[in-house]
N, C-alpha and C. Protein backbone atom coordinates (compact mmCIF):
# COMPACT_ATOMS: atom_id res chain seq x y z
N UNK A 1 190.33 206.99 -50.67
CA UNK A 1 191.17 206.13 -49.87
C UNK A 1 191.52 206.88 -48.58
N UNK A 2 191.49 206.18 -47.46
CA UNK A 2 191.83 206.79 -46.19
C UNK A 2 193.34 206.88 -46.08
N UNK A 3 193.84 208.06 -45.79
CA UNK A 3 195.28 208.27 -45.63
C UNK A 3 195.59 208.51 -44.16
N UNK A 4 196.66 207.91 -43.67
CA UNK A 4 197.08 208.13 -42.30
C UNK A 4 197.79 209.48 -42.20
N UNK A 5 197.88 209.98 -41.00
CA UNK A 5 198.66 211.18 -40.74
C UNK A 5 200.07 210.95 -41.28
N UNK A 6 200.65 211.94 -41.93
CA UNK A 6 201.95 211.79 -42.58
C UNK A 6 203.01 211.30 -41.60
N UNK A 7 203.00 211.78 -40.37
CA UNK A 7 204.01 211.38 -39.40
C UNK A 7 203.91 209.90 -39.05
N UNK A 8 202.73 209.31 -39.14
CA UNK A 8 202.52 207.92 -38.76
C UNK A 8 202.77 206.96 -39.92
N UNK A 9 202.86 207.46 -41.13
CA UNK A 9 203.02 206.59 -42.29
C UNK A 9 204.47 206.18 -42.43
N UNK A 10 204.66 204.94 -42.84
CA UNK A 10 206.02 204.44 -43.04
C UNK A 10 206.59 205.01 -44.33
N UNK A 11 207.90 204.85 -44.49
CA UNK A 11 208.54 205.30 -45.73
C UNK A 11 207.94 204.58 -46.93
N UNK A 12 207.67 203.28 -46.79
CA UNK A 12 207.09 202.51 -47.89
C UNK A 12 205.71 203.05 -48.26
N UNK A 13 204.91 203.42 -47.26
CA UNK A 13 203.58 203.96 -47.54
C UNK A 13 203.66 205.31 -48.23
N UNK A 14 204.56 206.17 -47.75
CA UNK A 14 204.72 207.49 -48.40
C UNK A 14 205.16 207.32 -49.85
N UNK A 15 206.12 206.44 -50.06
CA UNK A 15 206.64 206.20 -51.40
C UNK A 15 205.57 205.59 -52.29
N UNK A 16 204.82 204.64 -51.76
CA UNK A 16 203.76 203.99 -52.53
C UNK A 16 202.72 205.03 -52.95
N UNK A 17 202.31 205.90 -52.01
CA UNK A 17 201.33 206.93 -52.33
C UNK A 17 201.84 207.86 -53.43
N UNK A 18 203.10 208.26 -53.33
CA UNK A 18 203.68 209.16 -54.33
C UNK A 18 203.75 208.47 -55.69
N UNK A 19 204.19 207.21 -55.72
CA UNK A 19 204.27 206.49 -56.99
C UNK A 19 202.88 206.27 -57.57
N UNK A 20 201.93 205.90 -56.71
CA UNK A 20 200.55 205.69 -57.15
C UNK A 20 199.98 206.96 -57.76
N UNK A 21 200.13 208.08 -57.06
CA UNK A 21 199.63 209.35 -57.58
C UNK A 21 200.31 209.71 -58.90
N UNK A 22 201.62 209.47 -58.97
CA UNK A 22 202.36 209.77 -60.19
C UNK A 22 201.92 208.91 -61.36
N UNK A 23 201.65 207.64 -61.10
CA UNK A 23 201.19 206.73 -62.17
C UNK A 23 199.81 207.16 -62.64
N UNK A 24 198.91 207.41 -61.69
CA UNK A 24 197.54 207.78 -62.04
C UNK A 24 197.50 209.11 -62.78
N UNK A 25 198.35 210.05 -62.39
CA UNK A 25 198.36 211.38 -63.02
C UNK A 25 199.32 211.49 -64.19
N UNK A 26 199.96 210.39 -64.56
CA UNK A 26 200.83 210.38 -65.73
C UNK A 26 202.20 211.00 -65.53
N UNK A 27 202.59 211.29 -64.30
CA UNK A 27 203.90 211.88 -64.05
C UNK A 27 204.99 210.82 -63.88
N UNK A 28 204.61 209.61 -63.63
CA UNK A 28 205.57 208.51 -63.45
C UNK A 28 205.61 207.69 -64.74
N UNK A 29 206.35 206.60 -64.77
CA UNK A 29 206.51 205.84 -66.03
C UNK A 29 205.19 205.60 -66.74
N UNK A 30 205.23 205.69 -68.04
CA UNK A 30 204.02 205.53 -68.85
C UNK A 30 203.54 204.08 -68.81
N UNK A 31 202.31 203.87 -69.22
CA UNK A 31 201.72 202.54 -69.26
C UNK A 31 202.56 201.62 -70.12
N UNK A 32 202.71 200.41 -69.67
CA UNK A 32 203.48 199.36 -70.34
C UNK A 32 204.97 199.67 -70.44
N UNK A 33 205.43 200.69 -69.74
CA UNK A 33 206.87 200.98 -69.72
C UNK A 33 207.52 200.08 -68.67
N UNK A 34 208.56 199.41 -69.07
CA UNK A 34 209.27 198.54 -68.13
C UNK A 34 210.09 199.41 -67.20
N UNK A 35 209.98 199.11 -65.93
CA UNK A 35 210.68 199.88 -64.91
C UNK A 35 211.81 199.02 -64.37
N UNK A 36 213.00 199.52 -64.49
CA UNK A 36 214.13 198.79 -63.91
C UNK A 36 214.08 198.99 -62.41
N UNK A 37 214.07 197.86 -61.69
CA UNK A 37 213.97 197.95 -60.23
C UNK A 37 215.10 198.78 -59.65
N UNK A 38 216.30 198.60 -60.17
CA UNK A 38 217.41 199.38 -59.63
C UNK A 38 217.21 200.86 -59.91
N UNK A 39 216.66 201.17 -61.07
CA UNK A 39 216.39 202.58 -61.40
C UNK A 39 215.35 203.17 -60.46
N UNK A 40 214.28 202.43 -60.22
CA UNK A 40 213.25 202.90 -59.30
C UNK A 40 213.83 203.00 -57.90
N UNK A 41 214.59 201.98 -57.51
CA UNK A 41 215.18 201.99 -56.17
C UNK A 41 216.11 203.18 -56.00
N UNK A 42 216.96 203.42 -56.99
CA UNK A 42 217.91 204.53 -56.89
C UNK A 42 217.20 205.87 -56.82
N UNK A 43 216.24 206.09 -57.74
CA UNK A 43 215.55 207.38 -57.74
C UNK A 43 214.66 207.51 -56.50
N UNK A 44 214.04 206.41 -56.08
CA UNK A 44 213.22 206.44 -54.87
C UNK A 44 214.05 206.73 -53.65
N UNK A 45 215.23 206.13 -53.59
CA UNK A 45 216.13 206.37 -52.46
C UNK A 45 216.54 207.83 -52.42
N UNK A 46 216.88 208.39 -53.58
CA UNK A 46 217.32 209.80 -53.64
C UNK A 46 216.16 210.74 -53.32
N UNK A 47 215.04 210.52 -54.00
CA UNK A 47 213.91 211.45 -53.88
C UNK A 47 213.30 211.46 -52.48
N UNK A 48 213.19 210.29 -51.87
CA UNK A 48 212.52 210.19 -50.57
C UNK A 48 213.48 210.00 -49.40
N UNK A 49 214.76 209.88 -49.71
CA UNK A 49 215.74 209.71 -48.64
C UNK A 49 215.55 208.42 -47.86
N UNK A 50 215.27 207.33 -48.59
CA UNK A 50 215.04 206.04 -47.95
C UNK A 50 215.99 205.00 -48.51
N UNK A 51 216.04 203.86 -47.84
CA UNK A 51 216.85 202.75 -48.34
C UNK A 51 216.05 201.98 -49.40
N UNK A 52 216.63 200.94 -49.96
CA UNK A 52 215.95 200.18 -51.01
C UNK A 52 214.78 199.36 -50.49
N UNK A 53 214.82 198.97 -49.22
CA UNK A 53 213.75 198.13 -48.67
C UNK A 53 212.38 198.80 -48.78
N UNK A 54 212.20 200.06 -48.35
CA UNK A 54 210.89 200.70 -48.52
C UNK A 54 210.47 200.81 -49.99
N UNK A 55 211.44 200.97 -50.87
CA UNK A 55 211.13 201.05 -52.30
C UNK A 55 210.56 199.71 -52.76
N UNK A 56 211.21 198.63 -52.37
CA UNK A 56 210.72 197.29 -52.74
C UNK A 56 209.33 197.05 -52.16
N UNK A 57 209.13 197.45 -50.89
CA UNK A 57 207.82 197.28 -50.26
C UNK A 57 206.75 198.08 -51.01
N UNK A 58 207.07 199.31 -51.40
CA UNK A 58 206.12 200.15 -52.13
C UNK A 58 205.75 199.51 -53.46
N UNK A 59 206.74 198.98 -54.17
CA UNK A 59 206.47 198.33 -55.46
C UNK A 59 205.60 197.10 -55.24
N UNK A 60 205.87 196.33 -54.19
CA UNK A 60 205.05 195.15 -53.90
C UNK A 60 203.60 195.56 -53.63
N UNK A 61 203.41 196.66 -52.92
CA UNK A 61 202.06 197.14 -52.65
C UNK A 61 201.36 197.58 -53.94
N UNK A 62 202.11 198.20 -54.84
CA UNK A 62 201.53 198.61 -56.12
C UNK A 62 201.17 197.40 -56.97
N UNK A 63 201.98 196.34 -56.88
CA UNK A 63 201.66 195.09 -57.57
C UNK A 63 200.36 194.53 -57.01
N UNK A 64 200.24 194.52 -55.67
CA UNK A 64 199.03 193.99 -55.03
C UNK A 64 197.79 194.79 -55.42
N UNK A 65 197.96 196.09 -55.64
CA UNK A 65 196.81 196.92 -56.02
C UNK A 65 196.47 196.82 -57.50
N UNK A 66 197.37 196.23 -58.29
CA UNK A 66 197.10 196.06 -59.71
C UNK A 66 197.61 197.19 -60.58
N UNK A 67 198.26 198.19 -60.01
CA UNK A 67 198.77 199.30 -60.81
C UNK A 67 200.04 198.95 -61.57
N UNK A 68 200.79 198.01 -61.05
CA UNK A 68 201.98 197.54 -61.75
C UNK A 68 201.98 196.02 -61.77
N UNK A 69 202.67 195.47 -62.74
CA UNK A 69 202.81 194.01 -62.86
C UNK A 69 204.29 193.67 -62.84
N UNK A 70 204.58 192.44 -62.46
CA UNK A 70 205.96 191.97 -62.44
C UNK A 70 206.06 190.76 -63.35
N UNK A 71 207.03 190.78 -64.23
CA UNK A 71 207.29 189.64 -65.11
C UNK A 71 208.70 189.13 -64.84
N UNK A 72 208.83 187.81 -64.67
CA UNK A 72 210.17 187.26 -64.43
C UNK A 72 211.13 187.64 -65.55
N UNK A 73 212.31 187.99 -65.20
CA UNK A 73 213.42 188.33 -66.10
C UNK A 73 213.20 189.61 -66.89
N UNK A 74 212.02 190.24 -66.76
CA UNK A 74 211.78 191.50 -67.47
C UNK A 74 211.76 192.67 -66.50
N UNK A 75 211.11 192.48 -65.39
CA UNK A 75 211.04 193.54 -64.40
C UNK A 75 209.62 193.93 -64.08
N UNK A 76 209.46 195.17 -63.69
CA UNK A 76 208.18 195.71 -63.27
C UNK A 76 207.65 196.62 -64.37
N UNK A 77 206.35 196.56 -64.59
CA UNK A 77 205.73 197.34 -65.67
C UNK A 77 204.48 198.02 -65.14
N UNK A 78 204.29 199.27 -65.50
CA UNK A 78 203.05 199.96 -65.15
C UNK A 78 201.93 199.31 -65.94
N UNK A 79 200.91 198.85 -65.23
CA UNK A 79 199.79 198.15 -65.87
C UNK A 79 198.92 199.13 -66.65
N UNK A 80 198.30 198.61 -67.68
CA UNK A 80 197.36 199.42 -68.43
C UNK A 80 196.00 199.24 -67.76
N UNK A 81 195.58 200.28 -67.09
CA UNK A 81 194.32 200.23 -66.35
C UNK A 81 193.38 201.22 -66.98
N UNK A 82 192.28 200.71 -67.51
CA UNK A 82 191.27 201.58 -68.10
C UNK A 82 190.42 202.22 -67.03
N UNK A 83 189.61 203.17 -67.43
CA UNK A 83 188.77 203.89 -66.48
C UNK A 83 187.81 202.94 -65.77
N UNK A 84 187.27 201.95 -66.50
CA UNK A 84 186.35 200.99 -65.88
C UNK A 84 187.06 200.17 -64.80
N UNK A 85 188.28 199.71 -65.11
CA UNK A 85 189.03 198.92 -64.13
C UNK A 85 189.39 199.78 -62.92
N UNK A 86 189.75 201.03 -63.17
CA UNK A 86 190.12 201.93 -62.09
C UNK A 86 188.93 202.18 -61.17
N UNK A 87 187.77 202.42 -61.76
CA UNK A 87 186.56 202.62 -60.96
C UNK A 87 186.26 201.37 -60.15
N UNK A 88 186.39 200.21 -60.78
CA UNK A 88 186.14 198.94 -60.09
C UNK A 88 187.12 198.76 -58.93
N UNK A 89 188.39 199.09 -59.15
CA UNK A 89 189.39 198.96 -58.09
C UNK A 89 189.03 199.86 -56.90
N UNK A 90 188.61 201.08 -57.18
CA UNK A 90 188.26 201.99 -56.10
C UNK A 90 186.99 201.54 -55.38
N UNK A 91 186.04 200.97 -56.12
CA UNK A 91 184.84 200.44 -55.49
C UNK A 91 185.18 199.29 -54.55
N UNK A 92 186.06 198.42 -54.99
CA UNK A 92 186.49 197.30 -54.15
C UNK A 92 187.19 197.82 -52.90
N UNK A 93 188.11 198.79 -53.08
CA UNK A 93 188.81 199.36 -51.93
C UNK A 93 187.83 200.01 -50.96
N UNK A 94 186.83 200.73 -51.48
CA UNK A 94 185.85 201.38 -50.62
C UNK A 94 185.06 200.34 -49.83
N UNK A 95 184.71 199.23 -50.49
CA UNK A 95 184.00 198.16 -49.78
C UNK A 95 184.87 197.55 -48.69
N UNK A 96 186.14 197.33 -49.00
CA UNK A 96 187.06 196.78 -47.99
C UNK A 96 187.19 197.72 -46.80
N UNK A 97 187.35 199.01 -47.09
CA UNK A 97 187.50 199.97 -46.00
C UNK A 97 186.25 200.02 -45.14
N UNK A 98 185.08 199.97 -45.76
CA UNK A 98 183.83 199.95 -45.01
C UNK A 98 183.72 198.70 -44.15
N UNK A 99 184.07 197.56 -44.73
CA UNK A 99 184.03 196.30 -44.00
C UNK A 99 185.00 196.34 -42.82
N UNK A 100 186.19 196.86 -43.05
CA UNK A 100 187.19 196.96 -41.97
C UNK A 100 186.67 197.85 -40.84
N UNK A 101 186.04 198.94 -41.19
CA UNK A 101 185.47 199.83 -40.19
C UNK A 101 184.38 199.16 -39.37
N UNK A 102 183.49 198.42 -40.05
CA UNK A 102 182.43 197.70 -39.34
C UNK A 102 183.00 196.65 -38.40
N UNK A 103 183.97 195.88 -38.89
CA UNK A 103 184.58 194.84 -38.06
C UNK A 103 185.30 195.45 -36.86
N UNK A 104 186.01 196.53 -37.09
CA UNK A 104 186.73 197.19 -36.00
C UNK A 104 185.75 197.71 -34.95
N UNK A 105 184.65 198.31 -35.41
CA UNK A 105 183.65 198.85 -34.48
C UNK A 105 183.04 197.73 -33.64
N UNK A 106 182.76 196.59 -34.25
CA UNK A 106 182.21 195.46 -33.50
C UNK A 106 183.18 194.95 -32.45
N UNK A 107 184.43 194.87 -32.84
CA UNK A 107 185.43 194.26 -31.95
C UNK A 107 185.93 195.22 -30.87
N UNK A 108 185.84 196.51 -31.13
CA UNK A 108 186.38 197.47 -30.16
C UNK A 108 185.58 197.44 -28.87
N UNK A 109 184.27 197.19 -28.95
CA UNK A 109 183.44 197.20 -27.75
C UNK A 109 183.89 196.13 -26.76
N UNK A 110 184.06 194.90 -27.24
CA UNK A 110 184.47 193.83 -26.33
C UNK A 110 185.87 194.08 -25.80
N UNK A 111 186.75 194.57 -26.64
CA UNK A 111 188.12 194.86 -26.21
C UNK A 111 188.12 195.99 -25.18
N UNK A 112 187.29 197.00 -25.39
CA UNK A 112 187.21 198.12 -24.46
C UNK A 112 186.69 197.64 -23.11
N UNK A 113 185.68 196.76 -23.12
CA UNK A 113 185.17 196.20 -21.87
C UNK A 113 186.26 195.43 -21.13
N UNK A 114 187.06 194.66 -21.86
CA UNK A 114 188.15 193.92 -21.24
C UNK A 114 189.16 194.88 -20.62
N UNK A 115 189.48 195.96 -21.31
CA UNK A 115 190.42 196.95 -20.79
C UNK A 115 189.87 197.61 -19.52
N UNK A 116 188.58 197.92 -19.52
CA UNK A 116 187.97 198.55 -18.35
C UNK A 116 188.03 197.63 -17.13
N UNK A 117 187.78 196.35 -17.37
CA UNK A 117 187.86 195.37 -16.27
C UNK A 117 189.26 195.31 -15.68
N UNK A 118 190.26 195.28 -16.55
CA UNK A 118 191.65 195.24 -16.10
C UNK A 118 191.98 196.50 -15.31
N UNK A 119 191.56 197.64 -15.83
CA UNK A 119 191.81 198.92 -15.16
C UNK A 119 191.13 198.98 -13.79
N UNK A 120 189.90 198.48 -13.71
CA UNK A 120 189.19 198.46 -12.43
C UNK A 120 189.94 197.61 -11.40
N UNK A 121 190.45 196.46 -11.84
CA UNK A 121 191.21 195.59 -10.93
C UNK A 121 192.47 196.32 -10.44
N UNK A 122 193.13 197.03 -11.33
CA UNK A 122 194.33 197.78 -10.95
C UNK A 122 193.97 198.89 -9.96
N UNK A 123 192.89 199.62 -10.25
CA UNK A 123 192.47 200.71 -9.37
C UNK A 123 192.09 200.22 -7.98
N UNK A 124 191.55 198.99 -7.90
CA UNK A 124 191.17 198.42 -6.60
C UNK A 124 192.34 197.71 -5.93
N UNK A 125 193.50 197.76 -6.54
CA UNK A 125 194.69 197.15 -5.95
C UNK A 125 194.70 195.63 -6.00
N UNK A 126 193.89 195.05 -6.86
CA UNK A 126 193.82 193.59 -6.99
C UNK A 126 194.77 193.14 -8.10
N UNK A 127 196.05 193.02 -7.75
CA UNK A 127 197.08 192.70 -8.74
C UNK A 127 196.88 191.33 -9.35
N UNK A 128 196.48 190.36 -8.54
CA UNK A 128 196.28 189.00 -9.07
C UNK A 128 195.18 188.98 -10.13
N UNK A 129 194.07 189.63 -9.81
CA UNK A 129 192.95 189.67 -10.77
C UNK A 129 193.37 190.43 -12.03
N UNK A 130 194.05 191.54 -11.87
CA UNK A 130 194.50 192.33 -13.02
C UNK A 130 195.42 191.50 -13.89
N UNK A 131 196.35 190.77 -13.27
CA UNK A 131 197.27 189.94 -14.04
C UNK A 131 196.53 188.83 -14.79
N UNK A 132 195.56 188.19 -14.09
CA UNK A 132 194.79 187.12 -14.72
C UNK A 132 193.98 187.66 -15.91
N UNK A 133 193.32 188.79 -15.70
CA UNK A 133 192.52 189.39 -16.77
C UNK A 133 193.40 189.81 -17.95
N UNK A 134 194.56 190.35 -17.63
CA UNK A 134 195.48 190.77 -18.70
C UNK A 134 195.95 189.57 -19.51
N UNK A 135 196.27 188.48 -18.82
CA UNK A 135 196.68 187.26 -19.55
C UNK A 135 195.55 186.75 -20.44
N UNK A 136 194.32 186.73 -19.88
CA UNK A 136 193.16 186.30 -20.67
C UNK A 136 192.97 187.20 -21.89
N UNK A 137 193.13 188.49 -21.67
CA UNK A 137 192.97 189.46 -22.76
C UNK A 137 193.99 189.20 -23.87
N UNK A 138 195.24 188.96 -23.47
CA UNK A 138 196.29 188.69 -24.46
C UNK A 138 195.98 187.42 -25.23
N UNK A 139 195.49 186.39 -24.53
CA UNK A 139 195.14 185.13 -25.21
C UNK A 139 194.00 185.36 -26.19
N UNK A 140 192.97 186.08 -25.73
CA UNK A 140 191.81 186.35 -26.60
C UNK A 140 192.24 187.16 -27.82
N UNK A 141 193.04 188.21 -27.60
CA UNK A 141 193.49 189.03 -28.74
C UNK A 141 194.36 188.21 -29.69
N UNK A 142 195.18 187.32 -29.13
CA UNK A 142 195.99 186.44 -29.98
C UNK A 142 195.13 185.54 -30.85
N UNK A 143 194.06 185.01 -30.25
CA UNK A 143 193.14 184.16 -31.01
C UNK A 143 192.44 184.97 -32.10
N UNK A 144 192.02 186.18 -31.75
CA UNK A 144 191.36 187.04 -32.73
C UNK A 144 192.30 187.36 -33.89
N UNK A 145 193.56 187.66 -33.55
CA UNK A 145 194.53 187.96 -34.60
C UNK A 145 194.76 186.74 -35.48
N UNK A 146 194.86 185.57 -34.86
CA UNK A 146 195.05 184.33 -35.61
C UNK A 146 193.87 184.08 -36.54
N UNK A 147 192.65 184.30 -36.03
CA UNK A 147 191.46 184.15 -36.86
C UNK A 147 191.48 185.14 -38.02
N UNK A 148 191.91 186.37 -37.74
CA UNK A 148 191.98 187.40 -38.77
C UNK A 148 192.95 187.00 -39.87
N UNK A 149 194.14 186.54 -39.48
CA UNK A 149 195.14 186.11 -40.46
C UNK A 149 194.61 184.94 -41.27
N UNK A 150 193.97 184.01 -40.60
CA UNK A 150 193.42 182.84 -41.29
C UNK A 150 192.35 183.25 -42.29
N UNK A 151 191.47 184.18 -41.90
CA UNK A 151 190.42 184.63 -42.82
C UNK A 151 191.04 185.36 -44.01
N UNK A 152 192.13 186.09 -43.77
CA UNK A 152 192.82 186.77 -44.86
C UNK A 152 193.39 185.78 -45.86
N UNK A 153 193.94 184.69 -45.35
CA UNK A 153 194.49 183.66 -46.24
C UNK A 153 193.38 183.02 -47.06
N UNK A 154 192.25 182.72 -46.39
CA UNK A 154 191.13 182.11 -47.12
C UNK A 154 190.62 183.07 -48.20
N UNK A 155 190.51 184.36 -47.83
CA UNK A 155 190.03 185.35 -48.79
C UNK A 155 190.99 185.48 -49.96
N UNK A 156 192.29 185.48 -49.66
CA UNK A 156 193.30 185.54 -50.73
C UNK A 156 193.19 184.36 -51.67
N UNK A 157 192.96 183.18 -51.11
CA UNK A 157 192.80 181.98 -51.94
C UNK A 157 191.55 182.09 -52.81
N UNK A 158 190.48 182.66 -52.24
CA UNK A 158 189.25 182.85 -53.01
C UNK A 158 189.48 183.83 -54.15
N UNK A 159 190.22 184.90 -53.88
CA UNK A 159 190.50 185.88 -54.94
C UNK A 159 191.35 185.25 -56.04
N UNK A 160 192.32 184.43 -55.65
CA UNK A 160 193.17 183.76 -56.63
C UNK A 160 192.35 182.84 -57.53
N UNK A 161 191.31 182.24 -56.96
CA UNK A 161 190.47 181.32 -57.72
C UNK A 161 189.63 182.05 -58.76
N UNK A 162 189.36 183.33 -58.50
CA UNK A 162 188.55 184.13 -59.43
C UNK A 162 189.40 184.52 -60.56
């Protein structure tokens, strides 16, 4: 898994990584052990010096990854993940990371060209052109982001169907 520089990671990401490592290495709650959210929040707050919000975000991320499950009125439970499921999860994550890298590489070229055009207009003192190009760039990036969010929703719906 690709890890960001520690200084750039949010409290929720740091906490999630620590909980994930602890669960995988058996240092955190055992499999099928019910975790009281307040207990996790309190210990997470103390151990990492964070508020409850990053703790909740970290738990939500662990739920999304399949390492923990949430049951109404019971709480959060460390999922029983066998070696086959764990390998499968890492294979899926590796595929996602590769796909994200390919998509980013494809999109960076056009975005870089747009930035160069804007910079050239600024360097030539053409404020009107620079402003127009910048507005176009913002619109294009907004559309790309909207398409990205939409594709994520479609993909999520497809995963739910499986």
